[in-house]
C-alpha atoms as a PDB file:
ATOM      1  CA  UNK A   1      -6.860 203.088-150.206  1.00  0.00           C
ATOM      2  CA  UNK A   2      -5.993 203.636-146.527  1.00  0.00           C
ATOM      3  CA  UNK A   3      -3.254 206.100-147.476  1.00  0.00           C
ATOM      4  CA  UNK A   4      -5.645 208.036-149.700  1.00  0.00           C
ATOM      5  CA  UNK A   5      -8.243 208.240-146.935  1.00  0.00           C
ATOM      6  CA  UNK A   6      -5.556 209.406-144.494  1.00  0.00           C
ATOM      7  CA  UNK A   7      -4.429 212.107-146.958  1.00  0.00           C
ATOM      8  CA  UNK A   8      -7.997 213.335-147.486  1.00  0.00           C
ATOM      9  CA  UNK A   9      -8.572 213.508-143.746  1.00  0.00           C
ATOM     10  CA  UNK A  10      -5.362 215.472-143.255  1.00  0.00           C
ATOM     11  CA  UNK A  11      -6.328 217.844-146.081  1.00  0.00           C
ATOM     12  CA  UNK A  12      -9.793 218.469-144.586  1.00  0.00           C
ATOM     13  CA  UNK A  13      -8.255 219.258-141.217  1.00  0.00           C
ATOM     14  CA  UNK A  14      -5.683 221.519-142.876  1.00  0.00           C
ATOM     15  CA  UNK A  15      -8.371 223.658-144.539  1.00  0.00           C
ATOM     16  CA  UNK A  16     -10.303 223.898-141.274  1.00  0.00           C
ATOM     17  CA  UNK A  17      -7.166 224.899-139.364  1.00  0.00           C
ATOM     18  CA  UNK A  18      -6.282 227.701-141.801  1.00  0.00           C
ATOM     19  CA  UNK A  19      -9.680 229.331-141.250  1.00  0.00           C
ATOM     20  CA  UNK A  20      -9.448 228.776-137.485  1.00  0.00           C
ATOM     21  CA  UNK A  21      -5.958 230.289-137.350  1.00  0.00           C
ATOM     22  CA  UNK A  22      -6.861 233.381-139.365  1.00  0.00           C
ATOM     23  CA  UNK A  23     -10.148 233.906-137.516  1.00  0.00           C
ATOM     24  CA  UNK A  24      -8.488 233.513-134.114  1.00  0.00           C
ATOM     25  CA  UNK A  25      -5.647 235.888-134.926  1.00  0.00           C
ATOM     26  CA  UNK A  26      -8.058 238.454-136.361  1.00  0.00           C
ATOM     27  CA  UNK A  27     -10.196 238.188-133.225  1.00  0.00           C
ATOM     28  CA  UNK A  28      -7.252 238.889-130.909  1.00  0.00           C
ATOM     29  CA  UNK A  29      -6.327 241.972-132.960  1.00  0.00           C
ATOM     30  CA  UNK A  30      -9.911 243.277-132.885  1.00  0.00           C
ATOM     31  CA  UNK A  31     -10.171 243.046-129.088  1.00  0.00           C
ATOM     32  CA  UNK A  32      -7.189 245.418-128.661  1.00  0.00           C
ATOM     33  CA  UNK A  33      -6.147 243.398-125.633  1.00  0.00           C
ATOM     34  CA  UNK A  34      -3.133 241.615-127.055  1.00  0.00           C
ATOM     35  CA  UNK A  35      -2.524 239.146-129.856  1.00  0.00           C
ATOM     36  CA  UNK A  36      -0.494 235.983-130.236  1.00  0.00           C
ATOM     37  CA  UNK A  37       3.224 236.744-130.152  1.00  0.00           C
ATOM     38  CA  UNK A  38       3.994 236.553-133.884  1.00  0.00           C
ATOM     39  CA  UNK A  39       0.803 238.443-134.790  1.00  0.00           C
ATOM     40  CA  UNK A  40       1.456 241.185-132.251  1.00  0.00           C
ATOM     41  CA  UNK A  41       4.995 241.514-133.529  1.00  0.00           C
ATOM     42  CA  UNK A  42       3.691 241.794-137.101  1.00  0.00           C
ATOM     43  CA  UNK A  43       1.243 244.544-136.121  1.00  0.00           C
ATOM     44  CA  UNK A  44       4.032 246.568-134.483  1.00  0.00           C
ATOM     45  CA  UNK A  45       6.380 246.014-137.406  1.00  0.00           C
ATOM     46  CA  UNK A  46       3.648 247.125-139.827  1.00  0.00           C
ATOM     47  CA  UNK A  47       3.118 250.337-137.854  1.00  0.00           C
ATOM     48  CA  UNK A  48       6.856 250.926-137.641  1.00  0.00           C
ATOM     49  CA  UNK A  49       7.480 250.468-141.376  1.00  0.00           C
ATOM     50  CA  UNK A  50       4.089 251.894-142.499  1.00  0.00           C
ATOM     51  CA  UNK A  51       3.347 248.728-144.470  1.00  0.00           C
ATOM     52  CA  UNK A  52      -0.062 246.984-144.651  1.00  0.00           C
ATOM     53  CA  UNK A  53      -0.461 244.173-142.109  1.00  0.00           C
ATOM     54  CA  UNK A  54      -1.088 241.535-144.781  1.00  0.00           C
ATOM     55  CA  UNK A  55       2.132 242.455-146.577  1.00  0.00           C
ATOM     56  CA  UNK A  56       4.084 242.447-143.313  1.00  0.00           C
ATOM     57  CA  UNK A  57       2.782 238.987-142.425  1.00  0.00           C
ATOM     58  CA  UNK A  58       3.767 237.749-145.881  1.00  0.00           C
ATOM     59  CA  UNK A  59       7.318 239.155-145.643  1.00  0.00           C
ATOM     60  CA  UNK A  60       7.661 237.627-142.173  1.00  0.00           C
ATOM     61  CA  UNK A  61       6.595 234.290-143.608  1.00  0.00           C
ATOM     62  CA  UNK A  62       9.165 234.376-146.400  1.00  0.00           C
ATOM     63  CA  UNK A  63      12.014 235.243-144.022  1.00  0.00           C
ATOM     64  CA  UNK A  64      11.078 232.537-141.526  1.00  0.00           C
ATOM     65  CA  UNK A  65      10.807 230.030-144.388  1.00  0.00           C
ATOM     66  CA  UNK A  66      14.490 230.651-145.120  1.00  0.00           C
ATOM     67  CA  UNK A  67      15.394 230.207-141.436  1.00  0.00           C
ATOM     68  CA  UNK A  68      13.536 226.889-141.372  1.00  0.00           C
ATOM     69  CA  UNK A  69      15.615 225.586-144.265  1.00  0.00           C
ATOM     70  CA  UNK A  70      18.794 226.562-142.438  1.00  0.00           C
ATOM     71  CA  UNK A  71      17.681 224.810-139.238  1.00  0.00           C
ATOM     72  CA  UNK A  72      16.858 221.622-141.131  1.00  0.00           C
ATOM     73  CA  UNK A  73      20.443 221.539-142.387  1.00  0.00           C
ATOM     74  CA  UNK A  74      19.410 220.534-145.883  1.00  0.00           C
ATOM     75  CA  UNK A  75      17.170 221.819-148.670  1.00  0.00           C
ATOM     76  CA  UNK A  76      13.626 220.521-148.257  1.00  0.00           C
ATOM     77  CA  UNK A  77      11.654 221.494-151.358  1.00  0.00           C
ATOM     78  CA  UNK A  78       8.356 220.144-150.038  1.00  0.00           C
ATOM     79  CA  UNK A  79       8.705 222.150-146.850  1.00  0.00           C
ATOM     80  CA  UNK A  80       9.700 225.293-148.747  1.00  0.00           C
ATOM     81  CA  UNK A  81       6.632 225.071-150.982  1.00  0.00           C
ATOM     82  CA  UNK A  82       4.451 224.178-147.986  1.00  0.00           C
ATOM     83  CA  UNK A  83       5.541 227.236-146.010  1.00  0.00           C
ATOM     84  CA  UNK A  84       5.038 229.626-148.916  1.00  0.00           C
ATOM     85  CA  UNK A  85       1.671 228.177-149.945  1.00  0.00           C
ATOM     86  CA  UNK A  86       0.372 228.598-146.403  1.00  0.00           C
ATOM     87  CA  UNK A  87       1.780 232.103-146.003  1.00  0.00           C
ATOM     88  CA  UNK A  88       0.131 233.636-149.080  1.00  0.00           C
ATOM     89  CA  UNK A  89      -3.562 233.109-148.244  1.00  0.00           C
ATOM     90  CA  UNK A  90      -3.132 233.229-144.466  1.00  0.00           C
ATOM     91  CA  UNK A  91      -1.430 236.631-144.430  1.00  0.00           C
ATOM     92  CA  UNK A  92      -4.348 238.352-146.101  1.00  0.00           C
ATOM     93  CA  UNK A  93      -7.040 236.221-144.423  1.00  0.00           C
ATOM     94  CA  UNK A  94      -5.925 237.610-141.052  1.00  0.00           C
ATOM     95  CA  UNK A  95      -6.436 241.139-142.370  1.00  0.00           C
ATOM     96  CA  UNK A  96      -9.830 240.126-143.742  1.00  0.00           C
ATOM     97  CA  UNK A  97     -11.024 238.551-140.493  1.00  0.00           C
ATOM     98  CA  UNK A  98      -9.738 241.552-138.525  1.00  0.00           C
ATOM     99  CA  UNK A  99     -11.895 243.801-140.741  1.00  0.00           C
ATOM    100  CA  UNK A 100     -14.919 241.544-140.186  1.00  0.00           C
ATOM    101  CA  UNK A 101     -14.493 241.446-136.405  1.00  0.00           C
ATOM    102  CA  UNK A 102     -14.020 245.233-136.309  1.00  0.00           C
ATOM    103  CA  UNK A 103     -17.142 245.642-138.443  1.00  0.00           C
ATOM    104  CA  UNK A 104     -19.177 243.533-136.008  1.00  0.00           C
ATOM    105  CA  UNK A 105     -18.295 245.969-133.231  1.00  0.00           C
ATOM    106  CA  UNK A 106     -15.967 243.852-131.122  1.00  0.00           C
ATOM    107  CA  UNK A 107     -13.613 246.784-130.335  1.00  0.00           C
ATOM    108  CA  UNK A 108     -16.556 248.634-128.752  1.00  0.00           C
ATOM    109  CA  UNK A 109     -17.566 245.802-126.406  1.00  0.00           C
ATOM    110  CA  UNK A 110     -16.962 245.983-122.661  1.00  0.00           C
ATOM    111  CA  UNK A 111     -13.704 244.877-121.106  1.00  0.00           C
ATOM    112  CA  UNK A 112     -14.984 241.553-119.758  1.00  0.00           C
ATOM    113  CA  UNK A 113     -16.469 240.561-123.129  1.00  0.00           C
ATOM    114  CA  UNK A 114     -13.249 241.462-124.937  1.00  0.00           C
ATOM    115  CA  UNK A 115     -11.163 239.532-122.392  1.00  0.00           C
ATOM    116  CA  UNK A 116     -13.269 236.439-123.018  1.00  0.00           C
ATOM    117  CA  UNK A 117     -13.042 236.881-126.789  1.00  0.00           C
ATOM    118  CA  UNK A 118      -9.282 237.458-126.630  1.00  0.00           C
ATOM    119  CA  UNK A 119      -8.920 234.255-124.612  1.00  0.00           C
ATOM    120  CA  UNK A 120     -11.083 232.435-127.148  1.00  0.00           C
ATOM    121  CA  UNK A 121      -8.898 233.816-129.949  1.00  0.00           C
ATOM    122  CA  UNK A 122      -5.677 232.552-128.348  1.00  0.00           C
ATOM    123  CA  UNK A 123      -7.227 229.135-127.734  1.00  0.00           C
ATOM    124  CA  UNK A 124      -8.493 228.985-131.338  1.00  0.00           C
ATOM    125  CA  UNK A 125      -5.023 229.810-132.667  1.00  0.00           C
ATOM    126  CA  UNK A 126      -3.438 227.167-130.413  1.00  0.00           C
ATOM    127  CA  UNK A 127      -5.916 224.500-131.514  1.00  0.00           C
ATOM    128  CA  UNK A 128      -5.433 225.453-135.172  1.00  0.00           C
ATOM    129  CA  UNK A 129      -1.647 225.150-134.904  1.00  0.00           C
ATOM    130  CA  UNK A 130      -2.018 221.756-133.233  1.00  0.00           C
ATOM    131  CA  UNK A 131      -4.298 220.565-136.040  1.00  0.00           C
ATOM    132  CA  UNK A 132      -2.103 221.577-138.955  1.00  0.00           C
ATOM    133  CA  UNK A 133       1.103 220.511-137.233  1.00  0.00           C
ATOM    134  CA  UNK A 134      -0.432 217.047-136.889  1.00  0.00           C
ATOM    135  CA  UNK A 135      -1.672 217.127-140.495  1.00  0.00           C
ATOM    136  CA  UNK A 136       1.788 218.272-141.651  1.00  0.00           C
ATOM    137  CA  UNK A 137       0.792 218.984-145.253  1.00  0.00           C
ATOM    138  CA  UNK A 138       1.068 222.769-145.319  1.00  0.00           C
ATOM    139  CA  UNK A 139       2.309 224.702-142.335  1.00  0.00           C
ATOM    140  CA  UNK A 140       2.798 228.371-141.568  1.00  0.00           C
ATOM    141  CA  UNK A 141       6.552 229.071-141.416  1.00  0.00           C
ATOM    142  CA  UNK A 142       6.299 230.517-137.880  1.00  0.00           C
ATOM    143  CA  UNK A 143       4.689 227.354-136.562  1.00  0.00           C
ATOM    144  CA  UNK A 144       6.909 225.126-138.685  1.00  0.00           C
ATOM    145  CA  UNK A 145       9.793 226.841-136.885  1.00  0.00           C
ATOM    146  CA  UNK A 146       8.434 225.724-133.499  1.00  0.00           C
ATOM    147  CA  UNK A 147       7.715 222.278-134.999  1.00  0.00           C
ATOM    148  CA  UNK A 148      11.320 221.878-136.212  1.00  0.00           C
ATOM    149  CA  UNK A 149      12.682 223.103-132.882  1.00  0.00           C
ATOM    150  CA  UNK A 150      10.271 220.814-131.019  1.00  0.00           C
ATOM    151  CA  UNK A 151      11.064 217.559-132.792  1.00  0.00           C
ATOM    152  CA  UNK A 152      14.655 218.105-133.938  1.00  0.00           C
ATOM    153  CA  UNK A 153      16.184 219.908-130.973  1.00  0.00           C
ATOM    154  CA  UNK A 154      13.836 219.801-127.953  1.00  0.00           C
ATOM    155  CA  UNK A 155      12.795 216.142-127.622  1.00  0.00           C
ATOM    156  CA  UNK A 156       9.199 216.735-128.761  1.00  0.00           C
ATOM    157  CA  UNK A 157       8.346 219.397-126.178  1.00  0.00           C
ATOM    158  CA  UNK A 158       5.559 221.618-127.541  1.00  0.00           C
ATOM    159  CA  UNK A 159       6.066 224.094-124.692  1.00  0.00           C
ATOM    160  CA  UNK A 160       9.826 224.558-125.186  1.00  0.00           C
ATOM    161  CA  UNK A 161       9.456 224.637-128.959  1.00  0.00           C
ATOM    162  CA  UNK A 162       6.933 227.452-128.685  1.00  0.00           C
ATOM    163  CA  UNK A 163       8.980 229.478-126.204  1.00  0.00           C
ATOM    164  CA  UNK A 164      12.217 229.261-128.202  1.00  0.00           C
ATOM    165  CA  UNK A 165      10.421 230.199-131.428  1.00  0.00           C
ATOM    166  CA  UNK A 166       9.103 233.355-129.737  1.00  0.00           C
ATOM    167  CA  UNK A 167      12.563 234.918-129.383  1.00  0.00           C
ATOM    168  CA  UNK A 168      12.687 236.558-132.863  1.00  0.00           C
ATOM    169  CA  UNK A 169       9.215 238.201-132.731  1.00  0.00           C
ATOM    170  CA  UNK A 170       9.812 239.427-129.182  1.00  0.00           C
ATOM    171  CA  UNK A 171      13.086 241.030-130.289  1.00  0.00           C
ATOM    172  CA  UNK A 172      11.391 242.709-133.253  1.00  0.00           C
ATOM    173  CA  UNK A 173       8.569 243.965-131.009  1.00  0.00           C
ATOM    174  CA  UNK A 174      11.127 245.573-128.687  1.00  0.00           C
ATOM    175  CA  UNK A 175      12.909 247.182-131.658  1.00  0.00           C
ATOM    176  CA  UNK A 176       9.601 248.515-133.013  1.00  0.00           C
ATOM    177  CA  UNK A 177       8.740 249.972-129.604  1.00  0.00           C
ATOM    178  CA  UNK A 178      12.135 251.697-129.374  1.00  0.00           C
ATOM    179  CA  UNK A 179      11.638 253.155-132.853  1.00  0.00           C
ATOM    180  CA  UNK A 180       8.002 254.297-132.465  1.00  0.00           C
ATOM    181  CA  UNK A 181       7.442 254.651-128.737  1.00  0.00           C
ATOM    182  CA  UNK A 182       4.198 252.675-129.090  1.00  0.00           C
ATOM    183  CA  UNK A 183       3.080 249.108-128.586  1.00  0.00           C
ATOM    184  CA  UNK A 184       0.178 247.746-130.632  1.00  0.00           C
ATOM    185  CA  UNK A 185      -1.639 244.411-130.165  1.00  0.00           C
ATOM    186  CA  UNK A 186       0.477 243.613-127.099  1.00  0.00           C
ATOM    187  CA  UNK A 187      -1.228 242.931-123.790  1.00  0.00           C
ATOM    188  CA  UNK A 188      -3.194 240.277-121.962  1.00  0.00           C
ATOM    189  CA  UNK A 189      -3.478 238.013-125.010  1.00  0.00           C
ATOM    190  CA  UNK A 190       0.258 238.187-125.655  1.00  0.00           C
ATOM    191  CA  UNK A 191       1.046 237.191-122.063  1.00  0.00           C
ATOM    192  CA  UNK A 192      -1.460 234.357-122.329  1.00  0.00           C
ATOM    193  CA  UNK A 193       0.162 233.151-125.552  1.00  0.00           C
ATOM    194  CA  UNK A 194       3.656 233.397-124.057  1.00  0.00           C
ATOM    195  CA  UNK A 195       2.761 231.435-120.963  1.00  0.00           C
ATOM    196  CA  UNK A 196       0.098 229.035-122.162  1.00  0.00           C
ATOM    197  CA  UNK A 197       0.067 228.544-125.946  1.00  0.00           C
ATOM    198  CA  UNK A 198       2.489 225.635-125.833  1.00  0.00           C
ATOM    199  CA  UNK A 199       0.366 223.963-123.147  1.00  0.00           C
ATOM    200  CA  UNK A 200      -2.833 224.676-125.086  1.00  0.00           C
ATOM    201  CA  UNK A 201      -1.276 223.103-128.187  1.00  0.00           C
ATOM    202  CA  UNK A 202      -0.260 220.037-126.181  1.00  0.00           C
ATOM    203  CA  UNK A 203      -3.783 219.786-124.741  1.00  0.00           C
ATOM    204  CA  UNK A 204      -5.279 220.201-128.224  1.00  0.00           C
ATOM    205  CA  UNK A 205      -3.094 217.355-129.535  1.00  0.00           C
ATOM    206  CA  UNK A 206      -5.014 214.962-127.335  1.00  0.00           C
ATOM    207  CA  UNK A 207      -8.455 216.583-127.118  1.00  0.00           C
ATOM    208  CA  UNK A 208      -9.206 218.501-130.350  1.00  0.00           C
ATOM    209  CA  UNK A 209      -9.835 215.889-133.061  1.00  0.00           C
ATOM    210  CA  UNK A 210      -7.654 213.314-131.220  1.00  0.00           C
ATOM    211  CA  UNK A 211      -8.038 210.859-134.112  1.00  0.00           C
ATOM    212  CA  UNK A 212      -5.602 213.061-136.070  1.00  0.00           C
ATOM    213  CA  UNK A 213      -2.076 211.868-135.228  1.00  0.00           C
ATOM    214  CA  UNK A 214       1.295 213.551-135.772  1.00  0.00           C
ATOM    215  CA  UNK A 215       3.013 212.876-139.097  1.00  0.00           C
ATOM    216  CA  UNK A 216       6.582 213.752-138.065  1.00  0.00           C
ATOM    217  CA  UNK A 217       9.146 214.294-140.854  1.00  0.00           C
ATOM    218  CA  UNK A 218      12.146 216.097-139.320  1.00  0.00           C
END
């Protein structure tokens, strides 16, 4: 009975975190002041390849899922299915929330308002990642990458795990800029994510639904 209650709690938090993650990422895109690192990279890659953002996010997810399996050093079917199941709805939910936030007029707000909303978006994403990493039922491949790095290679450090996982999207962003001469969704929010998202995740572990504990399986 206790295990069933624990599973239901983790599932409820997972659903909440998916909506939080998509809404937060969409909000950072709509402010035009910089998105989380992976999201900003996806926006630039989409513009470079002339592919819809949702499709780009999905392709990213599939590729990172493969990398995660390689880092684990063995085939983990549950993790493979988990990564793909999260990627499919999330990729297109981000596009949907971006449309909604654009429709509400967020891009036309003043600079101070958009700075506050961009900050809120980055914090929402960080809290969402903390929640579903602790739930550990389904996880976005990008955040599973930082999770694997954190607990398998970096002694549980959320900050180092986040920084190391940012290397691939930063490289792709640079390549997209060289190819197009433009940077999209890169700015204040990206710098905030680079410097503070790991800390915000660590803070969220202990302050955002602290009754939800880590279920480590690496």
